[in-house]
């Protein structure tokens, strides 16, 4: 047990599952979040016969373990298995792999649009219900700070949206792993461990990491946008429309960053690493632009979260 705890603490935060869970929003003990997560129907923790004798801490710990199990199963294990099957299909003749490739290209895009709507509606439903019941005003009479109240509700909304976010991220992990397998085990050639191969692997690592984690970054930003508009505006329909408007603006910002980085690559980087410098120099230029895109997307969602939470802190308790 001590060896496991030491390994967990010595592992960098970026490789720890706890870093990406909704519970990472809570930096210190929050009694309101502890109560809210115990009352959620999902994730399932203890069996019905154990709930009668279990203490509050045991129920909460079981809920968090259930959250981790679901994340590992549908965010890692199942996508890896599906990636093996998908790589085998893509190595088949062209008429088979073409339709499957089109599905892999356009399927995640449509799913992400549906997920965005679900995240926004989930946040608005939660906050509108609490505002109607005037629960926040009662909580302000306790020792909890306003920030604790907002963080608890933010983490709870993320837990509600987590099932779909993990599925979306799992699909992207499956696609990234599929491409990795096709690169490592080509159908009609052998892998050459040269500079070109290493650059290809680095590009795939950076692109796959950003592509797979983007649903989690986006989910946190969209739910916070929904919380802000639901607290700011009166009326459920108004909050939904405003949240969808904020969602569209966020997607347009994403598209703008992507187009801007591609323009920078075509106008600047491609002249620095032109054809006469060799193919590996071109790959290095692609690695630079992909790293810029991933970093810009992360900073965009992080900036939107901070701005939305700052605005939420000002409007949530304005009455």
C-alpha atoms as a PDB file:
ATOM      1  CA  UNK A   1       0.000   0.000   0.000  1.00  0.00           C
ATOM      2  CA  UNK A   2       2.840   2.393   0.850  1.00  0.00           C
ATOM      3  CA  UNK A   3       4.580   1.574  -2.444  1.00  0.00           C
ATOM      4  CA  UNK A   4       1.364   2.355  -4.347  1.00  0.00           C
ATOM      5  CA  UNK A   5       0.950   5.691  -2.550  1.00  0.00           C
ATOM      6  CA  UNK A   6       4.592   6.575  -3.245  1.00  0.00           C
ATOM      7  CA  UNK A   7       4.223   5.735  -6.936  1.00  0.00           C
ATOM      8  CA  UNK A   8       1.034   7.798  -7.127  1.00  0.00           C
ATOM      9  CA  UNK A   9       2.642  10.832  -5.509  1.00  0.00           C
ATOM     10  CA  UNK A  10       5.836  10.579  -7.555  1.00  0.00           C
ATOM     11  CA  UNK A  11       3.900  10.379 -10.838  1.00  0.00           C
ATOM     12  CA  UNK A  12       3.643  13.781 -12.591  1.00  0.00           C
ATOM     13  CA  UNK A  13       0.194  15.336 -12.370  1.00  0.00           C
ATOM     14  CA  UNK A  14      -0.288  15.224 -16.139  1.00  0.00           C
ATOM     15  CA  UNK A  15      -0.223  11.406 -16.035  1.00  0.00           C
ATOM     16  CA  UNK A  16      -2.565  11.032 -13.053  1.00  0.00           C
ATOM     17  CA  UNK A  17      -6.241  10.257 -13.589  1.00  0.00           C
ATOM     18  CA  UNK A  18      -7.247  12.480 -10.682  1.00  0.00           C
ATOM     19  CA  UNK A  19      -6.002  15.518 -12.639  1.00  0.00           C
ATOM     20  CA  UNK A  20      -8.758  15.123 -15.234  1.00  0.00           C
ATOM     21  CA  UNK A  21     -11.676  14.051 -13.046  1.00  0.00           C
ATOM     22  CA  UNK A  22     -14.422  16.540 -12.109  1.00  0.00           C
ATOM     23  CA  UNK A  23     -13.290  16.259  -8.502  1.00  0.00           C
ATOM     24  CA  UNK A  24     -10.052  18.083  -9.422  1.00  0.00           C
ATOM     25  CA  UNK A  25     -12.077  21.311  -9.321  1.00  0.00           C
ATOM     26  CA  UNK A  26     -12.336  20.962  -5.523  1.00  0.00           C
ATOM     27  CA  UNK A  27      -8.973  21.960  -4.053  1.00  0.00           C
ATOM     28  CA  UNK A  28      -9.994  21.600  -0.392  1.00  0.00           C
ATOM     29  CA  UNK A  29     -12.715  19.823   1.541  1.00  0.00           C
ATOM     30  CA  UNK A  30     -16.133  21.097   0.506  1.00  0.00           C
ATOM     31  CA  UNK A  31     -19.093  19.825   2.586  1.00  0.00           C
ATOM     32  CA  UNK A  32     -21.588  20.930  -0.064  1.00  0.00           C
ATOM     33  CA  UNK A  33     -19.884  18.902  -2.806  1.00  0.00           C
ATOM     34  CA  UNK A  34     -19.567  15.935  -0.444  1.00  0.00           C
ATOM     35  CA  UNK A  35     -23.330  15.989   0.058  1.00  0.00           C
ATOM     36  CA  UNK A  36     -24.184  16.579  -3.596  1.00  0.00           C
ATOM     37  CA  UNK A  37     -22.066  13.714  -4.919  1.00  0.00           C
ATOM     38  CA  UNK A  38     -23.622  11.346  -2.393  1.00  0.00           C
ATOM     39  CA  UNK A  39     -27.111  12.190  -3.638  1.00  0.00           C
ATOM     40  CA  UNK A  40     -26.319  11.665  -7.335  1.00  0.00           C
ATOM     41  CA  UNK A  41     -27.759   8.520  -8.916  1.00  0.00           C
ATOM     42  CA  UNK A  42     -24.600   8.135 -10.985  1.00  0.00           C
ATOM     43  CA  UNK A  43     -21.903   7.027 -10.507  1.00  0.00           C
ATOM     44  CA  UNK A  44     -23.157   4.029  -8.609  1.00  0.00           C
ATOM     45  CA  UNK A  45     -21.106   3.339  -5.540  1.00  0.00           C
ATOM     46  CA  UNK A  46     -22.274   0.836  -2.951  1.00  0.00           C
ATOM     47  CA  UNK A  47     -24.924  -1.819  -3.351  1.00  0.00           C
ATOM     48  CA  UNK A  48     -28.435  -1.016  -2.046  1.00  0.00           C
ATOM     49  CA  UNK A  49     -28.003  -3.349   0.926  1.00  0.00           C
ATOM     50  CA  UNK A  50     -24.737  -1.605   1.900  1.00  0.00           C
ATOM     51  CA  UNK A  51     -26.193   1.911   1.828  1.00  0.00           C
ATOM     52  CA  UNK A  52     -28.189   1.327   5.017  1.00  0.00           C
ATOM     53  CA  UNK A  53     -25.087   0.740   7.136  1.00  0.00           C
ATOM     54  CA  UNK A  54     -22.494   2.827   5.256  1.00  0.00           C
ATOM     55  CA  UNK A  55     -21.244   6.163   6.515  1.00  0.00           C
ATOM     56  CA  UNK A  56     -21.255   9.336   4.465  1.00  0.00           C
ATOM     57  CA  UNK A  57     -17.520   9.173   3.754  1.00  0.00           C
ATOM     58  CA  UNK A  58     -17.782   5.575   2.550  1.00  0.00           C
ATOM     59  CA  UNK A  59     -20.573   6.497   0.142  1.00  0.00           C
ATOM     60  CA  UNK A  60     -18.585   9.418  -1.220  1.00  0.00           C
ATOM     61  CA  UNK A  61     -15.415   7.326  -1.629  1.00  0.00           C
ATOM     62  CA  UNK A  62     -17.384   4.613  -3.413  1.00  0.00           C
ATOM     63  CA  UNK A  63     -18.857   7.203  -5.794  1.00  0.00           C
ATOM     64  CA  UNK A  64     -15.392   8.499  -6.687  1.00  0.00           C
ATOM     65  CA  UNK A  65     -14.101   4.940  -7.216  1.00  0.00           C
ATOM     66  CA  UNK A  66     -17.046   4.327  -9.534  1.00  0.00           C
ATOM     67  CA  UNK A  67     -16.137   7.491 -11.448  1.00  0.00           C
ATOM     68  CA  UNK A  68     -12.565   6.232 -11.889  1.00  0.00           C
ATOM     69  CA  UNK A  69     -13.695   2.767 -12.982  1.00  0.00           C
ATOM     70  CA  UNK A  70     -15.995   4.210 -15.620  1.00  0.00           C
ATOM     71  CA  UNK A  71     -13.240   6.502 -16.896  1.00  0.00           C
ATOM     72  CA  UNK A  72     -10.688   3.708 -17.174  1.00  0.00           C
ATOM     73  CA  UNK A  73     -13.147   1.320 -18.812  1.00  0.00           C
ATOM     74  CA  UNK A  74     -14.741   3.572 -21.425  1.00  0.00           C
ATOM     75  CA  UNK A  75     -11.983   6.146 -21.743  1.00  0.00           C
ATOM     76  CA  UNK A  76      -9.040   3.773 -22.092  1.00  0.00           C
ATOM     77  CA  UNK A  77      -9.650   0.006 -22.193  1.00  0.00           C
ATOM     78  CA  UNK A  78     -12.596  -0.139 -24.601  1.00  0.00           C
ATOM     79  CA  UNK A  79     -11.084   2.480 -26.980  1.00  0.00           C
ATOM     80  CA  UNK A  80      -7.822   0.509 -27.125  1.00  0.00           C
ATOM     81  CA  UNK A  81      -9.647  -2.692 -28.038  1.00  0.00           C
ATOM     82  CA  UNK A  82     -11.745  -0.904 -30.649  1.00  0.00           C
ATOM     83  CA  UNK A  83      -8.578   0.681 -32.077  1.00  0.00           C
ATOM     84  CA  UNK A  84      -7.126  -2.762 -32.777  1.00  0.00           C
ATOM     85  CA  UNK A  85     -10.278  -3.759 -34.665  1.00  0.00           C
ATOM     86  CA  UNK A  86     -10.410  -0.435 -36.524  1.00  0.00           C
ATOM     87  CA  UNK A  87      -6.761  -0.659 -37.585  1.00  0.00           C
ATOM     88  CA  UNK A  88      -7.460  -4.096 -39.045  1.00  0.00           C
ATOM     89  CA  UNK A  89     -10.419  -2.704 -41.017  1.00  0.00           C
ATOM     90  CA  UNK A  90      -8.434   0.261 -42.334  1.00  0.00           C
ATOM     91  CA  UNK A  91      -5.726  -2.082 -43.619  1.00  0.00           C
ATOM     92  CA  UNK A  92      -8.307  -3.811 -45.849  1.00  0.00           C
ATOM     93  CA  UNK A  93      -8.940  -2.913 -49.528  1.00  0.00           C
ATOM     94  CA  UNK A  94      -9.790   0.665 -50.425  1.00  0.00           C
ATOM     95  CA  UNK A  95     -13.521   0.225 -50.946  1.00  0.00           C
ATOM     96  CA  UNK A  96     -13.818  -1.113 -47.380  1.00  0.00           C
ATOM     97  CA  UNK A  97     -11.541   1.366 -45.643  1.00  0.00           C
ATOM     98  CA  UNK A  98     -12.910   4.428 -47.501  1.00  0.00           C
ATOM     99  CA  UNK A  99     -16.382   4.333 -45.932  1.00  0.00           C
ATOM    100  CA  UNK A 100     -14.962   3.483 -42.535  1.00  0.00           C
ATOM    101  CA  UNK A 101     -12.504   6.383 -42.812  1.00  0.00           C
ATOM    102  CA  UNK A 102     -15.306   8.819 -43.686  1.00  0.00           C
ATOM    103  CA  UNK A 103     -17.255   7.627 -40.650  1.00  0.00           C
ATOM    104  CA  UNK A 104     -14.213   8.202 -38.421  1.00  0.00           C
ATOM    105  CA  UNK A 105     -13.768  11.691 -39.864  1.00  0.00           C
ATOM    106  CA  UNK A 106     -17.330  13.049 -39.670  1.00  0.00           C
ATOM    107  CA  UNK A 107     -18.744  10.930 -36.834  1.00  0.00           C
ATOM    108  CA  UNK A 108     -16.800  12.620 -33.986  1.00  0.00           C
ATOM    109  CA  UNK A 109     -17.643  16.079 -35.361  1.00  0.00           C
ATOM    110  CA  UNK A 110     -21.388  15.418 -35.200  1.00  0.00           C
ATOM    111  CA  UNK A 111     -21.061  13.792 -31.798  1.00  0.00           C
ATOM    112  CA  UNK A 112     -19.175  16.798 -30.419  1.00  0.00           C
ATOM    113  CA  UNK A 113     -21.982  19.138 -31.499  1.00  0.00           C
ATOM    114  CA  UNK A 114     -24.561  17.007 -29.693  1.00  0.00           C
ATOM    115  CA  UNK A 115     -22.332  16.789 -26.636  1.00  0.00           C
ATOM    116  CA  UNK A 116     -21.983  20.575 -26.520  1.00  0.00           C
ATOM    117  CA  UNK A 117     -25.755  20.947 -26.407  1.00  0.00           C
ATOM    118  CA  UNK A 118     -25.985  18.354 -23.647  1.00  0.00           C
ATOM    119  CA  UNK A 119     -23.308  20.086 -21.544  1.00  0.00           C
ATOM    120  CA  UNK A 120     -25.005  23.482 -21.824  1.00  0.00           C
ATOM    121  CA  UNK A 121     -28.497  22.157 -21.074  1.00  0.00           C
ATOM    122  CA  UNK A 122     -27.228  20.127 -18.097  1.00  0.00           C
ATOM    123  CA  UNK A 123     -25.650  23.219 -16.539  1.00  0.00           C
ATOM    124  CA  UNK A 124     -28.688  25.426 -17.149  1.00  0.00           C
ATOM    125  CA  UNK A 125     -31.078  22.822 -15.728  1.00  0.00           C
ATOM    126  CA  UNK A 126     -29.040  22.447 -12.555  1.00  0.00           C
ATOM    127  CA  UNK A 127     -28.587  26.150 -11.848  1.00  0.00           C
ATOM    128  CA  UNK A 128     -32.134  27.149 -12.838  1.00  0.00           C
ATOM    129  CA  UNK A 129     -33.568  24.570 -10.458  1.00  0.00           C
ATOM    130  CA  UNK A 130     -31.441  25.808  -7.578  1.00  0.00           C
ATOM    131  CA  UNK A 131     -32.253  29.443  -8.313  1.00  0.00           C
ATOM    132  CA  UNK A 132     -35.964  28.658  -8.339  1.00  0.00           C
ATOM    133  CA  UNK A 133     -35.718  26.876  -5.004  1.00  0.00           C
ATOM    134  CA  UNK A 134     -33.536  29.698  -3.610  1.00  0.00           C
ATOM    135  CA  UNK A 135     -31.009  27.161  -2.343  1.00  0.00           C
ATOM    136  CA  UNK A 136     -28.023  29.456  -2.803  1.00  0.00           C
ATOM    137  CA  UNK A 137     -29.482  32.093  -0.519  1.00  0.00           C
ATOM    138  CA  UNK A 138     -29.883  29.502   2.220  1.00  0.00           C
ATOM    139  CA  UNK A 139     -26.335  28.241   1.695  1.00  0.00           C
ATOM    140  CA  UNK A 140     -24.989  31.749   2.183  1.00  0.00           C
ATOM    141  CA  UNK A 141     -26.220  31.558   5.766  1.00  0.00           C
ATOM    142  CA  UNK A 142     -23.756  28.736   6.446  1.00  0.00           C
ATOM    143  CA  UNK A 143     -19.972  28.959   6.873  1.00  0.00           C
ATOM    144  CA  UNK A 144     -19.435  28.174   3.194  1.00  0.00           C
ATOM    145  CA  UNK A 145     -17.967  30.961   1.110  1.00  0.00           C
ATOM    146  CA  UNK A 146     -19.557  31.989  -2.179  1.00  0.00           C
ATOM    147  CA  UNK A 147     -16.604  30.477  -4.037  1.00  0.00           C
ATOM    148  CA  UNK A 148     -17.119  27.137  -2.256  1.00  0.00           C
ATOM    149  CA  UNK A 149     -20.787  27.108  -3.276  1.00  0.00           C
ATOM    150  CA  UNK A 150     -19.976  27.822  -6.911  1.00  0.00           C
ATOM    151  CA  UNK A 151     -17.133  25.297  -7.067  1.00  0.00           C
ATOM    152  CA  UNK A 152     -19.302  22.582  -5.527  1.00  0.00           C
ATOM    153  CA  UNK A 153     -22.046  23.101  -8.100  1.00  0.00           C
ATOM    154  CA  UNK A 154     -19.504  23.358 -10.924  1.00  0.00           C
ATOM    155  CA  UNK A 155     -17.937  20.023  -9.943  1.00  0.00           C
ATOM    156  CA  UNK A 156     -21.363  18.380  -9.563  1.00  0.00           C
ATOM    157  CA  UNK A 157     -22.417  19.537 -13.045  1.00  0.00           C
ATOM    158  CA  UNK A 158     -19.189  18.117 -14.449  1.00  0.00           C
ATOM    159  CA  UNK A 159     -19.967  14.766 -12.822  1.00  0.00           C
ATOM    160  CA  UNK A 160     -23.389  14.795 -14.504  1.00  0.00           C
ATOM    161  CA  UNK A 161     -21.788  15.507 -17.881  1.00  0.00           C
ATOM    162  CA  UNK A 162     -18.850  13.145 -17.332  1.00  0.00           C
ATOM    163  CA  UNK A 163     -20.402  10.026 -18.871  1.00  0.00           C
ATOM    164  CA  UNK A 164     -20.839  11.624 -22.279  1.00  0.00           C
ATOM    165  CA  UNK A 165     -17.513  13.495 -22.086  1.00  0.00           C
ATOM    166  CA  UNK A 166     -15.636  10.243 -21.437  1.00  0.00           C
ATOM    167  CA  UNK A 167     -17.385   8.566 -24.385  1.00  0.00           C
ATOM    168  CA  UNK A 168     -16.427  11.450 -26.658  1.00  0.00           C
ATOM    169  CA  UNK A 169     -12.831  11.449 -25.434  1.00  0.00           C
ATOM    170  CA  UNK A 170     -12.720   7.643 -25.696  1.00  0.00           C
ATOM    171  CA  UNK A 171     -13.728   7.767 -29.363  1.00  0.00           C
ATOM    172  CA  UNK A 172     -10.934  10.226 -30.059  1.00  0.00           C
ATOM    173  CA  UNK A 173      -8.439   8.099 -28.129  1.00  0.00           C
ATOM    174  CA  UNK A 174      -9.572   5.149 -30.251  1.00  0.00           C
ATOM    175  CA  UNK A 175      -8.935   7.086 -33.482  1.00  0.00           C
ATOM    176  CA  UNK A 176      -5.523   8.313 -32.308  1.00  0.00           C
ATOM    177  CA  UNK A 177      -4.487   4.814 -31.237  1.00  0.00           C
ATOM    178  CA  UNK A 178      -5.724   3.450 -34.565  1.00  0.00           C
ATOM    179  CA  UNK A 179      -3.455   5.814 -36.479  1.00  0.00           C
ATOM    180  CA  UNK A 180      -0.573   4.920 -34.169  1.00  0.00           C
ATOM    181  CA  UNK A 181      -1.044   1.196 -34.889  1.00  0.00           C
ATOM    182  CA  UNK A 182      -1.150   1.820 -38.636  1.00  0.00           C
ATOM    183  CA  UNK A 183       2.081   3.804 -38.339  1.00  0.00           C
ATOM    184  CA  UNK A 184       3.825   1.176 -36.218  1.00  0.00           C
ATOM    185  CA  UNK A 185       2.577  -1.819 -38.208  1.00  0.00           C
ATOM    186  CA  UNK A 186       2.194  -0.789 -41.871  1.00  0.00           C
ATOM    187  CA  UNK A 187       0.524  -3.367 -44.077  1.00  0.00           C
ATOM    188  CA  UNK A 188       3.004  -3.539 -46.977  1.00  0.00           C
ATOM    189  CA  UNK A 189       6.273  -2.227 -45.600  1.00  0.00           C
ATOM    190  CA  UNK A 190       8.552  -2.339 -42.595  1.00  0.00           C
ATOM    191  CA  UNK A 191       9.123   0.366 -40.025  1.00  0.00           C
ATOM    192  CA  UNK A 192      12.432   2.203 -40.296  1.00  0.00           C
ATOM    193  CA  UNK A 193      13.628   3.772 -37.061  1.00  0.00           C
ATOM    194  CA  UNK A 194      15.018   6.910 -38.648  1.00  0.00           C
ATOM    195  CA  UNK A 195      14.562  10.639 -38.102  1.00  0.00           C
ATOM    196  CA  UNK A 196      11.429  10.732 -40.248  1.00  0.00           C
ATOM    197  CA  UNK A 197       9.778   8.035 -38.142  1.00  0.00           C
ATOM    198  CA  UNK A 198      10.642   9.810 -34.892  1.00  0.00           C
ATOM    199  CA  UNK A 199       9.230  13.099 -36.172  1.00  0.00           C
ATOM    200  CA  UNK A 200       6.059  11.318 -37.285  1.00  0.00           C
ATOM    201  CA  UNK A 201       5.702   9.807 -33.813  1.00  0.00           C
ATOM    202  CA  UNK A 202       6.206  13.181 -32.118  1.00  0.00           C
ATOM    203  CA  UNK A 203       3.600  14.806 -34.376  1.00  0.00           C
ATOM    204  CA  UNK A 204       1.138  12.012 -33.638  1.00  0.00           C
ATOM    205  CA  UNK A 205       1.820  12.253 -29.892  1.00  0.00           C
ATOM    206  CA  UNK A 206       1.180  16.006 -29.741  1.00  0.00           C
ATOM    207  CA  UNK A 207      -1.796  15.922 -32.104  1.00  0.00           C
ATOM    208  CA  UNK A 208      -3.329  12.837 -30.481  1.00  0.00           C
ATOM    209  CA  UNK A 209      -2.977  14.269 -26.978  1.00  0.00           C
ATOM    210  CA  UNK A 210      -4.663  17.533 -27.887  1.00  0.00           C
ATOM    211  CA  UNK A 211      -7.323  15.810 -29.987  1.00  0.00           C
ATOM    212  CA  UNK A 212      -8.180  13.374 -27.179  1.00  0.00           C
ATOM    213  CA  UNK A 213      -8.196  15.885 -24.307  1.00  0.00           C
ATOM    214  CA  UNK A 214     -10.091  18.621 -26.167  1.00  0.00           C
ATOM    215  CA  UNK A 215     -13.553  17.192 -25.236  1.00  0.00           C
ATOM    216  CA  UNK A 216     -12.701  17.446 -21.531  1.00  0.00           C
ATOM    217  CA  UNK A 217     -11.393  21.005 -21.901  1.00  0.00           C
ATOM    218  CA  UNK A 218     -14.479  21.982 -23.892  1.00  0.00           C
ATOM    219  CA  UNK A 219     -16.896  20.312 -21.469  1.00  0.00           C
ATOM    220  CA  UNK A 220     -15.510  22.322 -18.550  1.00  0.00           C
ATOM    221  CA  UNK A 221     -15.774  25.574 -20.486  1.00  0.00           C
ATOM    222  CA  UNK A 222     -19.282  24.938 -21.863  1.00  0.00           C
ATOM    223  CA  UNK A 223     -20.740  23.881 -18.505  1.00  0.00           C
ATOM    224  CA  UNK A 224     -19.307  27.000 -16.890  1.00  0.00           C
ATOM    225  CA  UNK A 225     -20.793  29.171 -19.645  1.00  0.00           C
ATOM    226  CA  UNK A 226     -24.183  27.551 -19.015  1.00  0.00           C
ATOM    227  CA  UNK A 227     -23.858  28.140 -15.268  1.00  0.00           C
ATOM    228  CA  UNK A 228     -23.009  31.800 -15.812  1.00  0.00           C
ATOM    229  CA  UNK A 229     -25.938  32.575 -18.104  1.00  0.00           C
ATOM    230  CA  UNK A 230     -28.378  30.599 -15.946  1.00  0.00           C
ATOM    231  CA  UNK A 231     -27.312  32.636 -12.898  1.00  0.00           C
ATOM    232  CA  UNK A 232     -27.258  35.933 -14.756  1.00  0.00           C
ATOM    233  CA  UNK A 233     -30.491  35.822 -16.743  1.00  0.00           C
ATOM    234  CA  UNK A 234     -34.064  35.335 -15.577  1.00  0.00           C
ATOM    235  CA  UNK A 235     -36.001  32.606 -17.330  1.00  0.00           C
ATOM    236  CA  UNK A 236     -35.076  29.144 -18.497  1.00  0.00           C
ATOM    237  CA  UNK A 237     -35.576  29.799 -22.224  1.00  0.00           C
ATOM    238  CA  UNK A 238     -33.475  32.970 -22.106  1.00  0.00           C
ATOM    239  CA  UNK A 239     -30.633  31.144 -20.355  1.00  0.00           C
ATOM    240  CA  UNK A 240     -30.727  28.318 -22.918  1.00  0.00           C
ATOM    241  CA  UNK A 241     -30.624  30.728 -25.876  1.00  0.00           C
ATOM    242  CA  UNK A 242     -27.807  32.768 -24.338  1.00  0.00           C
ATOM    243  CA  UNK A 243     -25.831  29.598 -23.533  1.00  0.00           C
ATOM    244  CA  UNK A 244     -26.180  28.398 -27.126  1.00  0.00           C
ATOM    245  CA  UNK A 245     -24.992  31.814 -28.286  1.00  0.00           C
ATOM    246  CA  UNK A 246     -21.955  31.547 -26.022  1.00  0.00           C
ATOM    247  CA  UNK A 247     -21.333  28.033 -27.325  1.00  0.00           C
ATOM    248  CA  UNK A 248     -21.407  29.214 -30.938  1.00  0.00           C
ATOM    249  CA  UNK A 249     -18.997  32.020 -30.076  1.00  0.00           C
ATOM    250  CA  UNK A 250     -16.632  29.523 -28.457  1.00  0.00           C
ATOM    251  CA  UNK A 251     -16.713  27.274 -31.525  1.00  0.00           C
ATOM    252  CA  UNK A 252     -16.044  30.263 -33.786  1.00  0.00           C
ATOM    253  CA  UNK A 253     -13.037  31.164 -31.631  1.00  0.00           C
ATOM    254  CA  UNK A 254     -11.766  27.607 -32.008  1.00  0.00           C
ATOM    255  CA  UNK A 255     -12.159  27.776 -35.780  1.00  0.00           C
ATOM    256  CA  UNK A 256     -10.456  31.179 -35.853  1.00  0.00           C
ATOM    257  CA  UNK A 257      -7.445  29.898 -33.923  1.00  0.00           C
ATOM    258  CA  UNK A 258      -7.170  26.864 -36.194  1.00  0.00           C
ATOM    259  CA  UNK A 259      -7.393  28.946 -39.375  1.00  0.00           C
ATOM    260  CA  UNK A 260      -4.943  31.517 -37.974  1.00  0.00           C
ATOM    261  CA  UNK A 261      -2.334  28.874 -37.144  1.00  0.00           C
ATOM    262  CA  UNK A 262      -2.706  27.292 -40.592  1.00  0.00           C
ATOM    263  CA  UNK A 263      -2.308  30.735 -42.189  1.00  0.00           C
ATOM    264  CA  UNK A 264       0.826  31.322 -40.099  1.00  0.00           C
ATOM    265  CA  UNK A 265       2.186  27.978 -41.241  1.00  0.00           C
ATOM    266  CA  UNK A 266       1.542  28.698 -44.916  1.00  0.00           C
ATOM    267  CA  UNK A 267       2.865  32.272 -44.776  1.00  0.00           C
ATOM    268  CA  UNK A 268       5.806  32.055 -42.407  1.00  0.00           C
ATOM    269  CA  UNK A 269       6.947  28.616 -41.301  1.00  0.00           C
ATOM    270  CA  UNK A 270       6.735  27.018 -44.725  1.00  0.00           C
ATOM    271  CA  UNK A 271       9.236  29.601 -46.039  1.00  0.00           C
ATOM    272  CA  UNK A 272      11.656  28.875 -43.225  1.00  0.00           C
ATOM    273  CA  UNK A 273      11.431  25.118 -43.778  1.00  0.00           C
ATOM    274  CA  UNK A 274      10.991  25.088 -47.551  1.00  0.00           C
ATOM    275  CA  UNK A 275      11.297  22.130 -49.906  1.00  0.00           C
ATOM    276  CA  UNK A 276      15.001  22.559 -50.525  1.00  0.00           C
ATOM    277  CA  UNK A 277      15.699  22.006 -46.839  1.00  0.00           C
ATOM    278  CA  UNK A 278      14.444  18.429 -47.019  1.00  0.00           C
ATOM    279  CA  UNK A 279      11.407  16.422 -45.946  1.00  0.00           C
ATOM    280  CA  UNK A 280      12.451  16.188 -42.293  1.00  0.00           C
ATOM    281  CA  UNK A 281      12.581  19.980 -42.039  1.00  0.00           C
ATOM    282  CA  UNK A 282       9.017  20.109 -43.327  1.00  0.00           C
ATOM    283  CA  UNK A 283       7.972  17.588 -40.694  1.00  0.00           C
ATOM    284  CA  UNK A 284       9.642  19.696 -38.026  1.00  0.00           C
ATOM    285  CA  UNK A 285       7.696  22.714 -39.248  1.00  0.00           C
ATOM    286  CA  UNK A 286       4.479  20.685 -39.003  1.00  0.00           C
ATOM    287  CA  UNK A 287       5.412  19.682 -35.458  1.00  0.00           C
ATOM    288  CA  UNK A 288       5.799  23.357 -34.538  1.00  0.00           C
ATOM    289  CA  UNK A 289       2.423  24.384 -35.948  1.00  0.00           C
ATOM    290  CA  UNK A 290       0.585  21.424 -34.375  1.00  0.00           C
ATOM    291  CA  UNK A 291       2.133  22.211 -31.004  1.00  0.00           C
ATOM    292  CA  UNK A 292       1.017  25.821 -31.402  1.00  0.00           C
ATOM    293  CA  UNK A 293      -2.549  24.755 -32.219  1.00  0.00           C
ATOM    294  CA  UNK A 294      -2.802  22.406 -29.224  1.00  0.00           C
ATOM    295  CA  UNK A 295      -1.329  25.010 -26.859  1.00  0.00           C
ATOM    296  CA  UNK A 296      -3.630  27.722 -28.241  1.00  0.00           C
ATOM    297  CA  UNK A 297      -6.713  25.513 -27.782  1.00  0.00           C
ATOM    298  CA  UNK A 298      -5.760  24.731 -24.192  1.00  0.00           C
ATOM    299  CA  UNK A 299      -5.142  28.402 -23.395  1.00  0.00           C
ATOM    300  CA  UNK A 300      -8.448  29.338 -25.054  1.00  0.00           C
ATOM    301  CA  UNK A 301     -10.503  26.975 -22.897  1.00  0.00           C
ATOM    302  CA  UNK A 302      -8.532  27.885 -19.787  1.00  0.00           C
ATOM    303  CA  UNK A 303      -9.068  31.587 -20.435  1.00  0.00           C
ATOM    304  CA  UNK A 304     -12.787  31.085 -21.075  1.00  0.00           C
ATOM    305  CA  UNK A 305     -13.100  29.156 -17.799  1.00  0.00           C
ATOM    306  CA  UNK A 306     -11.399  31.885 -15.796  1.00  0.00           C
ATOM    307  CA  UNK A 307     -13.407  34.665 -17.411  1.00  0.00           C
ATOM    308  CA  UNK A 308     -16.699  32.780 -17.019  1.00  0.00           C
ATOM    309  CA  UNK A 309     -16.021  31.905 -13.376  1.00  0.00           C
ATOM    310  CA  UNK A 310     -15.069  35.515 -12.623  1.00  0.00           C
ATOM    311  CA  UNK A 311     -18.317  36.717 -14.171  1.00  0.00           C
ATOM    312  CA  UNK A 312     -20.255  33.961 -12.391  1.00  0.00           C
ATOM    313  CA  UNK A 313     -18.832  35.069  -9.038  1.00  0.00           C
ATOM    314  CA  UNK A 314     -20.131  38.590  -9.695  1.00  0.00           C
ATOM    315  CA  UNK A 315     -23.638  37.745 -10.926  1.00  0.00           C
ATOM    316  CA  UNK A 316     -24.556  34.594  -8.975  1.00  0.00           C
ATOM    317  CA  UNK A 317     -25.247  36.400  -5.685  1.00  0.00           C
ATOM    318  CA  UNK A 318     -26.043  39.855  -7.006  1.00  0.00           C
ATOM    319  CA  UNK A 319     -29.487  39.772  -5.403  1.00  0.00           C
END
